[in-house]
Amino acid sequence: MISKNSINKVILVGHVGQDPDLNYTTSGHSIATFSLATNEVWVDADKKKKEHTEWHNVVAWNKLADFVKQYVVKGQLLYLEGRIHSQTWVDKNNIRQNKKEIICDNITPLEWKNKS
């Protein structure tokens, strides 16, 4: 449910970093995970071209996860919509860990690639 006072909405267009992994929860729900790269290019004050690639961890559930596993491949250009989800935990070495993911609601391939 979305509060009237806030919105958590992400729109990304980028290339898939690796072939998606598909797993199942103990209750049988499918979950696909993959990375998506988005790129920025700009010219700095010294007229030098600069680039930055941002990597996003993407998660898709159920029917969308099944779609991802069947049709999404490394290098493919995707449009996706979703929301940011953060997790924090303390690992076995008592070190605090953080993770941000994009939970997908919609994926539209902007190009189709054959699975090898």
C-alpha atoms as a PDB file:
ATOM      1  CA  MET A   1       0.000   0.000   0.000  1.00  0.00           C
ATOM      2  CA  ILE A   2       1.311   3.450  -0.881  1.00  0.00           C
ATOM      3  CA  SER A   3       0.975   6.277   1.590  1.00  0.00           C
ATOM      4  CA  LYS A   4      -0.476   9.518   0.246  1.00  0.00           C
ATOM      5  CA  ASN A   5       2.663  11.287   1.449  1.00  0.00           C
ATOM      6  CA  SER A   6       5.345   9.159  -0.213  1.00  0.00           C
ATOM      7  CA  ILE A   7       6.215   7.290  -3.386  1.00  0.00           C
ATOM      8  CA  ASN A   8       8.857   4.614  -3.870  1.00  0.00           C
ATOM      9  CA  LYS A   9       9.046   4.267  -7.664  1.00  0.00           C
ATOM     10  CA  VAL A  10      12.057   3.398  -9.811  1.00  0.00           C
ATOM     11  CA  ILE A  11      12.306   3.392 -13.603  1.00  0.00           C
ATOM     12  CA  LEU A  12      15.504   2.005 -15.109  1.00  0.00           C
ATOM     13  CA  VAL A  13      16.718   1.395 -18.652  1.00  0.00           C
ATOM     14  CA  GLY A  14      19.917  -0.615 -18.798  1.00  0.00           C
ATOM     15  CA  HIS A  15      21.730  -3.761 -19.827  1.00  0.00           C
ATOM     16  CA  VAL A  16      21.525  -7.076 -17.964  1.00  0.00           C
ATOM     17  CA  GLY A  17      24.829  -7.921 -16.278  1.00  0.00           C
ATOM     18  CA  GLN A  18      24.511 -11.707 -16.152  1.00  0.00           C
ATOM     19  CA  ASP A  19      21.966 -14.389 -16.991  1.00  0.00           C
ATOM     20  CA  PRO A  20      19.283 -14.373 -14.274  1.00  0.00           C
ATOM     21  CA  ASP A  21      19.232 -16.928 -11.448  1.00  0.00           C
ATOM     22  CA  LEU A  22      15.891 -18.568 -10.638  1.00  0.00           C
ATOM     23  CA  ASN A  23      15.190 -20.039  -7.214  1.00  0.00           C
ATOM     24  CA  TYR A  24      12.112 -21.048  -5.246  1.00  0.00           C
ATOM     25  CA  THR A  25      10.987 -20.203  -1.733  1.00  0.00           C
ATOM     26  CA  THR A  26       9.996 -23.009   0.628  1.00  0.00           C
ATOM     27  CA  SER A  27       6.366 -22.170  -0.177  1.00  0.00           C
ATOM     28  CA  GLY A  28       7.016 -22.629  -3.920  1.00  0.00           C
ATOM     29  CA  HIS A  29       7.159 -18.997  -5.094  1.00  0.00           C
ATOM     30  CA  SER A  30       9.681 -18.350  -7.869  1.00  0.00           C
ATOM     31  CA  ILE A  31      12.246 -15.569  -7.485  1.00  0.00           C
ATOM     32  CA  ALA A  32      14.618 -14.355 -10.199  1.00  0.00           C
ATOM     33  CA  THR A  33      17.649 -12.196  -9.486  1.00  0.00           C
ATOM     34  CA  PHE A  34      19.982 -10.387 -11.864  1.00  0.00           C
ATOM     35  CA  SER A  35      22.025  -7.218 -12.141  1.00  0.00           C
ATOM     36  CA  LEU A  36      21.278  -4.270 -14.407  1.00  0.00           C
ATOM     37  CA  ALA A  37      23.836  -1.666 -15.483  1.00  0.00           C
ATOM     38  CA  THR A  38      22.926   1.954 -16.143  1.00  0.00           C
ATOM     39  CA  ASN A  39      25.505   4.366 -17.574  1.00  0.00           C
ATOM     40  CA  GLU A  40      26.111   8.100 -17.272  1.00  0.00           C
ATOM     41  CA  VAL A  41      28.369  10.057 -19.620  1.00  0.00           C
ATOM     42  CA  TRP A  42      29.314  13.719 -19.173  1.00  0.00           C
ATOM     43  CA  VAL A  43      32.037  16.205 -19.973  1.00  0.00           C
ATOM     44  CA  ASP A  44      33.841  17.673 -16.965  1.00  0.00           C
ATOM     45  CA  ALA A  45      35.142  21.234 -16.509  1.00  0.00           C
ATOM     46  CA  ASP A  46      38.426  20.256 -18.224  1.00  0.00           C
ATOM     47  CA  LYS A  47      36.478  19.074 -21.306  1.00  0.00           C
ATOM     48  CA  LYS A  48      37.289  15.440 -20.537  1.00  0.00           C
ATOM     49  CA  LYS A  49      34.679  12.763 -21.182  1.00  0.00           C
ATOM     50  CA  LYS A  50      33.686  10.967 -17.976  1.00  0.00           C
ATOM     51  CA  GLU A  51      31.649   7.794 -17.564  1.00  0.00           C
ATOM     52  CA  HIS A  52      30.069   6.040 -14.604  1.00  0.00           C
ATOM     53  CA  THR A  53      28.276   2.687 -14.521  1.00  0.00           C
ATOM     54  CA  GLU A  54      25.819   2.046 -11.704  1.00  0.00           C
ATOM     55  CA  TRP A  55      24.964  -1.597 -10.956  1.00  0.00           C
ATOM     56  CA  HIS A  56      21.488  -2.405  -9.648  1.00  0.00           C
ATOM     57  CA  ASN A  57      20.476  -5.675  -7.973  1.00  0.00           C
ATOM     58  CA  VAL A  58      17.073  -6.618  -9.387  1.00  0.00           C
ATOM     59  CA  VAL A  59      14.536  -9.077  -7.955  1.00  0.00           C
ATOM     60  CA  ALA A  60      11.413 -10.383  -9.709  1.00  0.00           C
ATOM     61  CA  TRP A  61       8.799 -12.652  -8.127  1.00  0.00           C
ATOM     62  CA  ASN A  62       6.358 -15.323  -9.329  1.00  0.00           C
ATOM     63  CA  LYS A  63       5.109 -14.945 -12.941  1.00  0.00           C
ATOM     64  CA  LEU A  64       7.497 -12.070 -13.608  1.00  0.00           C
ATOM     65  CA  ALA A  65      10.368 -14.240 -12.311  1.00  0.00           C
ATOM     66  CA  ASP A  66       9.324 -17.027 -14.682  1.00  0.00           C
ATOM     67  CA  PHE A  67       9.249 -14.511 -17.559  1.00  0.00           C
ATOM     68  CA  VAL A  68      12.738 -13.295 -16.615  1.00  0.00           C
ATOM     69  CA  LYS A  69      14.164 -16.813 -16.541  1.00  0.00           C
ATOM     70  CA  GLN A  70      12.646 -17.646 -19.925  1.00  0.00           C
ATOM     71  CA  TYR A  71      13.322 -14.431 -21.873  1.00  0.00           C
ATOM     72  CA  VAL A  72      16.008 -12.291 -20.181  1.00  0.00           C
ATOM     73  CA  VAL A  73      19.711 -12.814 -20.985  1.00  0.00           C
ATOM     74  CA  LYS A  74      23.057 -11.173 -20.310  1.00  0.00           C
ATOM     75  CA  GLY A  75      23.622  -8.005 -22.343  1.00  0.00           C
ATOM     76  CA  GLN A  76      19.932  -7.448 -23.144  1.00  0.00           C
ATOM     77  CA  LEU A  77      18.538  -3.910 -22.940  1.00  0.00           C
ATOM     78  CA  LEU A  78      15.558  -3.717 -20.549  1.00  0.00           C
ATOM     79  CA  TYR A  79      13.081  -1.139 -19.331  1.00  0.00           C
ATOM     80  CA  LEU A  80      11.913  -1.934 -15.826  1.00  0.00           C
ATOM     81  CA  GLU A  81       9.735  -0.422 -13.143  1.00  0.00           C
ATOM     82  CA  GLY A  82       9.816  -1.223  -9.472  1.00  0.00           C
ATOM     83  CA  ARG A  83      10.667   0.025  -6.012  1.00  0.00           C
ATOM     84  CA  ILE A  84      13.780   0.273  -3.860  1.00  0.00           C
ATOM     85  CA  HIS A  85      14.015  -2.223  -1.003  1.00  0.00           C
ATOM     86  CA  SER A  86      16.758  -1.986   1.660  1.00  0.00           C
ATOM     87  CA  GLN A  87      17.949  -4.697   4.024  1.00  0.00           C
ATOM     88  CA  THR A  88      20.311  -4.435   6.975  1.00  0.00           C
ATOM     89  CA  TRP A  89      21.719  -7.317   9.021  1.00  0.00           C
ATOM     90  CA  VAL A  90      24.686  -8.296  11.178  1.00  0.00           C
ATOM     91  CA  ASP A  91      26.795 -11.093   9.641  1.00  0.00           C
ATOM     92  CA  LYS A  92      28.508 -13.982  11.437  1.00  0.00           C
ATOM     93  CA  ASN A  93      31.575 -11.752  12.056  1.00  0.00           C
ATOM     94  CA  ASN A  94      29.338  -9.207  13.809  1.00  0.00           C
ATOM     95  CA  ILE A  95      29.719  -6.736  10.918  1.00  0.00           C
ATOM     96  CA  ARG A  96      26.705  -4.703   9.862  1.00  0.00           C
ATOM     97  CA  GLN A  97      25.789  -5.352   6.200  1.00  0.00           C
ATOM     98  CA  ASN A  98      23.509  -3.338   3.915  1.00  0.00           C
ATOM     99  CA  LYS A  99      21.871  -4.301   0.648  1.00  0.00           C
ATOM    100  CA  LYS A 100      19.659  -2.357  -1.741  1.00  0.00           C
ATOM    101  CA  GLU A 101      17.539  -4.106  -4.353  1.00  0.00           C
ATOM    102  CA  ILE A 102      15.047  -3.092  -6.990  1.00  0.00           C
ATOM    103  CA  ILE A 103      11.867  -5.135  -6.562  1.00  0.00           C
ATOM    104  CA  CYS A 104      10.387  -5.358 -10.069  1.00  0.00           C
ATOM    105  CA  ASP A 105       6.760  -4.760 -10.938  1.00  0.00           C
ATOM    106  CA  ASN A 106       7.170  -4.590 -14.724  1.00  0.00           C
ATOM    107  CA  ILE A 107       9.840  -5.552 -17.253  1.00  0.00           C
ATOM    108  CA  THR A 108       9.791  -4.673 -20.948  1.00  0.00           C
ATOM    109  CA  PRO A 109      12.607  -5.980 -23.146  1.00  0.00           C
ATOM    110  CA  LEU A 110      13.783  -3.218 -25.495  1.00  0.00           C
ATOM    111  CA  GLU A 111      15.646  -5.807 -27.546  1.00  0.00           C
ATOM    112  CA  TRP A 112      15.370  -9.571 -27.826  1.00  0.00           C
ATOM    113  CA  LYS A 113      18.356 -11.884 -27.643  1.00  0.00           C
ATOM    114  CA  ASN A 114      18.473 -15.623 -28.192  1.00  0.00           C
ATOM    115  CA  LYS A 115      19.427 -17.802 -25.274  1.00  0.00           C
ATOM    116  CA  SER A 116      22.682 -19.669 -25.941  1.00  0.00           C
END
